[in-house]
Each structure stands twice: as C-alpha cells, then as structure tokens.
Amino acid sequence: MIDAVVVDIEGTTSPTAAVREDLYGYTRERLPAWLSEHSSAVAAPVLAATRELAGRPDANPEEAAAILREWLDTDVKAEPLKTAQGLICAEGFRSGALHGEFFPDVPPALAAWHRSGLALYVYSSGSVRNQRDWFTFARGGSLSELISGYFDLSTAGGKRESSSYDKIAGSIGVPAERILFLSDHPDELDAAVAAGWRVIGLARPGEPNPPRPPHRWVDTFADIDPIDQG
C-alpha cells in the first residue's frame, strides 16, 4: 500500500527544456549584477560557499559569478548555485517573467492522487524556494495546495545517495515501503530502491535520460496508479 508519492521535477513533472532555458537562462543573465548588488547581504553566504567549493578564497563577486555560471552551464548540483538561483528566480516568478511549466498529464494526476488521500511531496536538486515557486506560479494555476512538502540538496542530500531517501522517509513519517518515487533518472531510482522505496521511471519523449532495467517505466502520469502498487 502506498501512502505518499514523491516526485522529481526536471524530466518528470516538467520539460527539461523549460527548467534549463527559463530558470537557468534567467539566473545566468542576472547572476553578476545580483552578486555585486547584494554581496554584503543575501548574496554573502552564496559568495562564501562558492569561494570554498571552488578553492578560490579571494574571488570577488565578478569572479564568483563566472564560477557559478560555469557550474550552471555544466549542470553542477552545487548548493550555493541552487541558493542563488532560488533567490534570483523568486523575483522572476513574482514579476510574471517566470512560470512553472508542467506536462499536461501531471496536474490532473496530482489532483486525483491528492483527492484519494495520498500525501504528495517534491524532491529536486533545485532549491526548496524554487520548487515552491514552480508549483505556486504554475502556468494555468497554482498546484501548491496539492503538495505537502519539498526537499532539496540542503534538506535531504544528493539524489543518488540512498541515505537521502532514508532522511525523507523519516521526515515525512512514512515507512519506506509505502513511498512511491517518480523520476526520469535511473541512478535516482536505484538509490530510492536501495532505501526500500517503490519506484516508477518516467521515459518521456524528447527527454535526455534513457530508461534502464530493472525498473518499470512509463511515459505519462496517466499510466500510474499509486493505489495499485501493492
């Protein structure tokens, strides 16, 4: 029996292109000015963490922006980058420049699962702030009321580490075997299985991660019935 469903975002609920072109592009364009303007305020922890991770203790805001942009371009899952992205994109969501984009099968499925009594959670490498905004400012209307909680790298850990899934299960108070995880990435599914979770992979047309055994794969949320997972 499944009590909770945890969903990934990029490639699972939402097109990878929307995340990388919209969020990444918005962040990339505004990083230098944001770091410079807020270096002694909200950007100070980002600067400190970037210097430490990059081994560049004397990097100024302009140099730190270049480091963060390189990480962004190479899809490095670095915590200071995700923090900066969350803060920068928050302005874009609230101004109407950004919206959460979802595959059309996702909103009705989430709504149906929520009505059936399942608790729904999000686990993504993007910051919790970005995740909340993605669902709150979804194109077509907010989906945030369907979601019970959000997890990211800082609150749960890396998505390819089984300990992260142990931590989430403990946090939401649901036994591992009663949690269903949906993701497009085989390594993430492997880690969740190692933690005792049930999993289904999403292999959507045009998305970059190919399916890999032994997991079950579908190409739409419409083919998933969490209640029927045993």
Protein backbone atom coordinates (compact mmCIF):
# COMPACT_ATOMS: atom_id res chain seq x y z
CA MET A 1 0.00 0.00 0.00
CA ILE A 2 1.28 3.47 -0.91
CA ASP A 3 0.72 6.39 1.46
CA ALA A 4 3.00 9.01 -0.14
CA VAL A 5 4.22 9.89 -3.62
CA VAL A 6 7.45 11.83 -4.07
CA VAL A 7 8.07 13.40 -7.48
CA ASP A 8 11.15 14.76 -9.21
CA ILE A 9 10.65 17.87 -11.36
CA GLU A 10 13.02 18.08 -14.34
CA GLY A 11 12.07 15.46 -16.93
CA THR A 12 9.38 14.02 -14.65
CA THR A 13 6.68 16.62 -13.95
CA SER A 14 8.16 19.25 -16.23
CA PRO A 15 10.11 19.50 -19.51
CA THR A 16 13.87 19.68 -19.03
CA ALA A 17 13.99 22.46 -21.63
CA ALA A 18 11.63 24.63 -19.57
CA VAL A 19 13.82 24.30 -16.49
CA ARG A 20 17.12 24.86 -18.24
CA GLU A 21 16.06 27.54 -20.69
CA ASP A 22 13.76 29.50 -18.39
CA LEU A 23 15.20 29.15 -14.90
CA TYR A 24 18.81 28.65 -15.90
CA GLY A 25 18.67 31.40 -18.50
CA TYR A 26 17.06 33.86 -16.10
CA THR A 27 19.64 33.04 -13.45
CA ARG A 28 22.60 33.21 -15.82
CA GLU A 29 21.68 36.64 -17.10
CA ARG A 30 21.20 38.16 -13.65
CA LEU A 31 23.95 36.48 -11.60
CA PRO A 32 26.74 39.08 -11.97
CA ALA A 33 24.61 42.09 -11.05
CA TRP A 34 22.83 40.22 -8.25
CA LEU A 35 26.10 39.11 -6.60
CA SER A 36 27.56 42.59 -6.90
CA GLU A 37 24.50 44.42 -5.59
CA HIS A 38 23.88 42.05 -2.67
CA SER A 39 27.43 40.99 -1.77
CA SER A 40 27.10 42.22 1.80
CA ALA A 41 23.54 40.98 2.28
CA VAL A 42 21.63 37.94 0.94
CA ALA A 43 24.42 37.05 -1.51
CA ALA A 44 27.11 36.92 1.19
CA PRO A 45 26.56 33.21 2.09
CA VAL A 46 26.49 32.32 -1.61
CA LEU A 47 29.79 34.08 -2.18
CA ALA A 48 31.40 32.40 0.83
CA ALA A 49 30.21 28.92 -0.17
CA THR A 50 31.25 29.43 -3.82
CA ARG A 51 34.76 30.50 -2.79
CA GLU A 52 35.09 27.48 -0.54
CA LEU A 53 33.82 24.93 -3.07
CA ALA A 54 35.91 26.40 -5.89
CA GLY A 55 39.04 26.74 -3.76
CA ARG A 56 39.12 30.45 -4.59
CA PRO A 57 39.07 32.22 -1.19
CA ASP A 58 39.81 35.64 -2.71
CA ALA A 59 37.31 35.53 -5.58
CA ASN A 60 35.45 38.81 -5.96
CA PRO A 61 31.74 38.92 -6.94
CA GLU A 62 32.57 39.09 -10.66
CA GLU A 63 34.85 36.05 -10.43
CA ALA A 64 32.31 34.19 -8.30
CA ALA A 65 29.64 34.91 -10.92
CA ALA A 66 31.87 33.35 -13.58
CA ILE A 67 32.34 30.25 -11.40
CA LEU A 68 28.60 29.93 -10.78
CA ARG A 69 27.82 30.41 -14.46
CA GLU A 70 30.26 27.63 -15.35
CA TRP A 71 28.57 25.33 -12.83
CA LEU A 72 25.20 26.31 -14.26
CA ASP A 73 26.32 25.57 -17.83
CA THR A 74 27.74 22.17 -16.84
CA ASP A 75 24.77 21.27 -14.59
CA VAL A 76 26.82 21.01 -11.40
CA LYS A 77 24.47 20.41 -8.47
CA ALA A 78 26.21 22.87 -6.16
CA GLU A 79 24.32 24.18 -3.15
CA PRO A 80 25.42 27.85 -3.46
CA LEU A 81 24.31 27.86 -7.09
CA LYS A 82 20.90 26.44 -6.18
CA THR A 83 20.55 29.00 -3.39
CA ALA A 84 21.39 31.88 -5.73
CA GLN A 85 19.03 30.55 -8.37
CA GLY A 86 16.19 30.33 -5.86
CA LEU A 87 16.66 33.92 -4.72
CA ILE A 88 17.11 35.36 -8.21
CA CYS A 89 14.22 33.46 -9.78
CA ALA A 90 11.88 34.35 -6.92
CA GLU A 91 11.82 37.85 -8.38
CA GLY A 92 11.03 36.47 -11.83
CA PHE A 93 8.12 34.36 -10.62
CA ARG A 94 6.60 37.27 -8.77
CA SER A 95 7.00 39.68 -11.66
CA GLY A 96 5.35 37.26 -14.09
CA ALA A 97 8.54 36.70 -16.09
CA LEU A 98 8.69 33.04 -14.99
CA HIS A 99 6.07 30.30 -14.65
CA GLY A 100 6.16 26.67 -13.64
CA GLU A 101 5.74 24.54 -16.76
CA PHE A 102 4.21 21.05 -16.45
CA PHE A 103 3.48 18.19 -18.81
CA PRO A 104 -0.29 18.21 -19.44
CA ASP A 105 -0.84 14.83 -17.75
CA VAL A 106 0.69 16.00 -14.46
CA PRO A 107 -1.83 18.45 -12.91
CA PRO A 108 -4.87 16.15 -13.25
CA ALA A 109 -2.92 13.17 -11.93
CA LEU A 110 -1.62 15.09 -8.91
CA ALA A 111 -5.11 16.38 -8.19
CA ALA A 112 -6.60 12.88 -8.40
CA TRP A 113 -3.93 11.39 -6.15
CA HIS A 114 -4.42 14.18 -3.64
CA ARG A 115 -8.19 13.59 -3.61
CA SER A 116 -7.60 9.89 -2.97
CA GLY A 117 -5.78 10.74 0.25
CA LEU A 118 -2.18 10.34 -0.85
CA ALA A 119 0.39 12.77 0.54
CA LEU A 120 2.42 14.36 -2.26
CA TYR A 121 6.00 15.62 -1.95
CA VAL A 122 8.64 17.08 -4.25
CA TYR A 123 12.34 16.15 -4.22
CA SER A 124 14.53 18.06 -6.65
CA SER A 125 18.09 19.37 -6.83
CA GLY A 126 16.61 22.86 -7.26
CA SER A 127 16.19 24.81 -4.02
CA VAL A 128 13.03 24.43 -1.96
CA ARG A 129 12.35 28.10 -2.74
CA ASN A 130 12.44 27.41 -6.49
CA GLN A 131 10.33 24.29 -6.08
CA ARG A 132 7.62 26.14 -4.17
CA ASP A 133 7.57 28.92 -6.73
CA TRP A 134 7.49 26.42 -9.63
CA PHE A 135 4.29 24.86 -8.24
CA THR A 136 2.75 28.08 -6.88
CA PHE A 137 3.23 30.03 -10.10
CA ALA A 138 2.38 27.14 -12.41
CA ARG A 139 1.09 28.19 -15.78
CA GLY A 140 -2.65 27.52 -15.70
CA GLY A 141 -2.97 27.88 -11.94
CA SER A 142 -1.28 27.04 -8.67
CA LEU A 143 -0.59 23.42 -7.78
CA SER A 144 0.99 24.23 -4.41
CA GLU A 145 -2.12 23.29 -2.45
CA LEU A 146 -1.60 19.68 -3.56
CA ILE A 147 1.92 19.42 -2.16
CA SER A 148 2.64 18.53 1.47
CA GLY A 149 6.36 19.30 1.44
CA TYR A 150 9.53 19.91 -0.55
CA PHE A 151 13.07 18.52 -0.29
CA ASP A 152 16.33 19.64 -1.89
CA LEU A 153 20.10 19.05 -1.62
CA SER A 154 20.39 21.00 1.62
CA THR A 155 17.43 19.40 3.40
CA ALA A 156 17.77 15.81 2.17
CA GLY A 157 21.12 15.34 0.43
CA GLY A 158 22.20 14.15 -3.02
CA LYS A 159 19.61 12.41 -5.16
CA ARG A 160 21.88 9.47 -6.00
CA GLU A 161 22.51 8.64 -2.34
CA SER A 162 20.21 6.15 -0.59
CA SER A 163 20.70 8.00 2.72
CA SER A 164 18.79 10.96 1.25
CA TYR A 165 15.72 8.79 0.80
CA ASP A 166 16.09 7.45 4.34
CA LYS A 167 16.12 11.04 5.56
CA ILE A 168 12.99 11.99 3.61
CA ALA A 169 11.11 8.92 4.84
CA GLY A 170 12.00 9.82 8.42
CA SER A 171 10.96 13.42 7.89
CA ILE A 172 7.53 12.64 6.46
CA GLY A 173 6.95 9.77 8.87
CA VAL A 174 6.02 7.16 6.27
CA PRO A 175 7.62 3.68 6.11
CA ALA A 176 9.95 3.32 3.10
CA GLU A 177 7.93 0.53 1.52
CA ARG A 178 4.85 2.78 1.46
CA ILE A 179 6.51 5.58 -0.51
CA LEU A 180 6.45 5.75 -4.32
CA PHE A 181 9.15 7.78 -6.07
CA LEU A 182 8.76 9.06 -9.64
CA SER A 183 11.86 10.19 -11.54
CA ASP A 184 13.35 10.19 -15.03
CA HIS A 185 16.86 9.35 -13.78
CA PRO A 186 17.84 5.66 -13.34
CA ASP A 187 20.52 6.44 -10.73
CA GLU A 188 17.96 8.21 -8.56
CA LEU A 189 15.58 5.28 -8.87
CA ASP A 190 18.40 2.92 -7.87
CA ALA A 191 19.13 4.99 -4.75
CA ALA A 192 15.46 5.07 -3.75
CA VAL A 193 15.13 1.30 -4.18
CA ALA A 194 18.24 0.81 -2.04
CA ALA A 195 16.41 2.76 0.69
CA GLY A 196 13.39 0.44 0.39
CA TRP A 197 11.13 2.74 -1.63
CA ARG A 198 8.96 1.73 -4.56
CA VAL A 199 9.76 3.48 -7.82
CA ILE A 200 8.47 4.10 -11.35
CA GLY A 201 10.60 5.73 -14.03
CA LEU A 202 9.35 8.38 -16.45
CA ALA A 203 10.63 7.99 -20.01
CA ARG A 204 9.02 10.92 -21.75
CA PRO A 205 9.59 11.57 -25.48
CA GLY A 206 12.37 14.07 -26.09
CA GLU A 207 13.80 13.89 -22.56
CA PRO A 208 17.52 13.14 -22.15
CA ASN A 209 17.63 10.18 -19.71
CA PRO A 210 17.03 6.76 -21.32
CA PRO A 211 15.23 4.08 -19.29
CA ARG A 212 17.25 1.32 -17.65
CA PRO A 213 16.23 -2.01 -16.10
CA PRO A 214 15.07 -3.31 -13.74
CA HIS A 215 12.60 -0.51 -13.05
CA ARG A 216 9.14 -0.10 -14.56
CA TRP A 217 8.99 2.85 -16.99
CA VAL A 218 6.02 4.81 -18.33
CA ASP A 219 5.75 7.94 -20.46
CA THR A 220 2.82 9.63 -18.72
CA PHE A 221 1.43 10.04 -15.21
CA ALA A 222 -1.87 8.79 -16.64
CA ASP A 223 -0.39 5.27 -16.64
CA ILE A 224 0.44 5.39 -12.94
CA ASP A 225 -1.97 4.21 -10.24
CA PRO A 226 -0.21 4.62 -6.89
CA ILE A 227 -3.01 2.81 -5.07
CA ASP A 228 -2.38 -0.27 -7.22
CA GLN A 229 1.29 -0.56 -6.24
CA GLY A 230 0.57 -3.26 -3.71
